[in-house]
């Protein structure tokens, strides 16, 4: 999916082509709402230098994908009428 995805170098908020990639490491943990335990994730951060809009994409390396599927709430696709 490329619509709204800044990984392709285009800011979907202001339209600029001033997107830069960095790494965001959370001090907290990715966890289920209300849980006390979690995993410390690493995100690829895409920042627009023109407007400041930022997107984070979780790195699903190792067991992180299965952790997300087992522990976080699944949001079903919107089936608008």
Protein backbone atom coordinates (compact mmCIF):
# COMPACT_ATOMS: atom_id res chain seq x y z
CA UNK A 1 0.00 0.00 0.00
CA UNK A 2 1.53 3.30 -1.03
CA UNK A 3 -1.36 5.67 -0.30
CA UNK A 4 -0.27 7.59 2.78
CA UNK A 5 3.04 5.71 3.06
CA UNK A 6 5.99 8.05 3.53
CA UNK A 7 8.51 5.24 2.91
CA UNK A 8 8.35 6.25 -0.76
CA UNK A 9 9.71 9.77 -0.12
CA UNK A 10 6.49 11.78 -0.40
CA UNK A 11 4.76 13.53 2.51
CA UNK A 12 1.04 12.85 2.38
CA UNK A 13 0.24 15.85 4.57
CA UNK A 14 1.95 18.75 2.78
CA UNK A 15 3.02 17.06 -0.49
CA UNK A 16 6.73 17.82 -0.08
CA UNK A 17 9.49 15.46 -1.18
CA UNK A 18 11.57 16.27 1.91
CA UNK A 19 11.19 12.93 3.73
CA UNK A 20 14.08 11.63 5.81
CA UNK A 21 14.45 8.25 7.54
CA UNK A 22 15.73 7.70 11.05
CA UNK A 23 15.31 5.22 13.86
CA UNK A 24 13.07 5.62 16.88
CA UNK A 25 13.63 3.46 19.93
CA UNK A 26 10.94 3.64 22.54
CA UNK A 27 11.91 4.06 26.17
CA UNK A 28 8.72 2.26 27.14
CA UNK A 29 7.34 -0.97 25.80
CA UNK A 30 4.81 -2.05 23.19
CA UNK A 31 2.09 -3.84 25.11
CA UNK A 32 -1.56 -4.72 25.28
CA UNK A 33 -3.74 -2.00 26.81
CA UNK A 34 -3.75 -2.35 30.59
CA UNK A 35 -0.84 -4.83 30.63
CA UNK A 36 2.26 -4.40 32.76
CA UNK A 37 4.61 -6.42 30.54
CA UNK A 38 5.73 -5.68 27.02
CA UNK A 39 8.56 -5.68 24.47
CA UNK A 40 10.87 -2.78 23.66
CA UNK A 41 10.32 -2.07 19.96
CA UNK A 42 12.43 -0.34 17.31
CA UNK A 43 10.65 1.78 14.70
CA UNK A 44 11.74 3.17 11.36
CA UNK A 45 10.82 6.86 11.56
CA UNK A 46 10.00 8.88 8.45
CA UNK A 47 9.99 12.65 9.03
CA UNK A 48 9.00 15.40 6.63
CA UNK A 49 11.48 18.29 6.94
CA UNK A 50 8.93 20.68 5.44
CA UNK A 51 6.01 20.22 7.85
CA UNK A 52 7.23 17.86 10.59
CA UNK A 53 4.73 15.10 9.88
CA UNK A 54 6.14 11.78 11.13
CA UNK A 55 5.28 8.14 10.46
CA UNK A 56 6.53 5.23 12.52
CA UNK A 57 6.79 1.69 11.11
CA UNK A 58 7.46 -1.10 13.59
CA UNK A 59 10.32 -3.41 12.65
CA UNK A 60 8.81 -6.87 12.64
CA UNK A 61 12.09 -8.74 13.02
CA UNK A 62 12.49 -11.96 14.94
CA UNK A 63 9.52 -12.74 17.12
CA UNK A 64 8.03 -9.23 17.12
CA UNK A 65 5.34 -10.12 14.53
CA UNK A 66 4.09 -13.07 16.56
CA UNK A 67 4.23 -10.94 19.74
CA UNK A 68 2.01 -8.34 18.08
CA UNK A 69 -0.46 -10.96 16.84
CA UNK A 70 -0.64 -12.71 20.23
CA UNK A 71 -0.77 -9.70 22.53
CA UNK A 72 -2.29 -6.66 20.83
CA UNK A 73 -5.91 -5.99 19.94
CA UNK A 74 -6.78 -6.72 16.30
CA UNK A 75 -8.77 -3.98 14.57
CA UNK A 76 -10.98 -5.42 11.81
CA UNK A 77 -11.14 -3.58 8.46
CA UNK A 78 -13.83 -0.92 8.26
CA UNK A 79 -16.78 -2.19 6.24
CA UNK A 80 -18.49 1.15 5.54
CA UNK A 81 -21.91 1.22 4.03
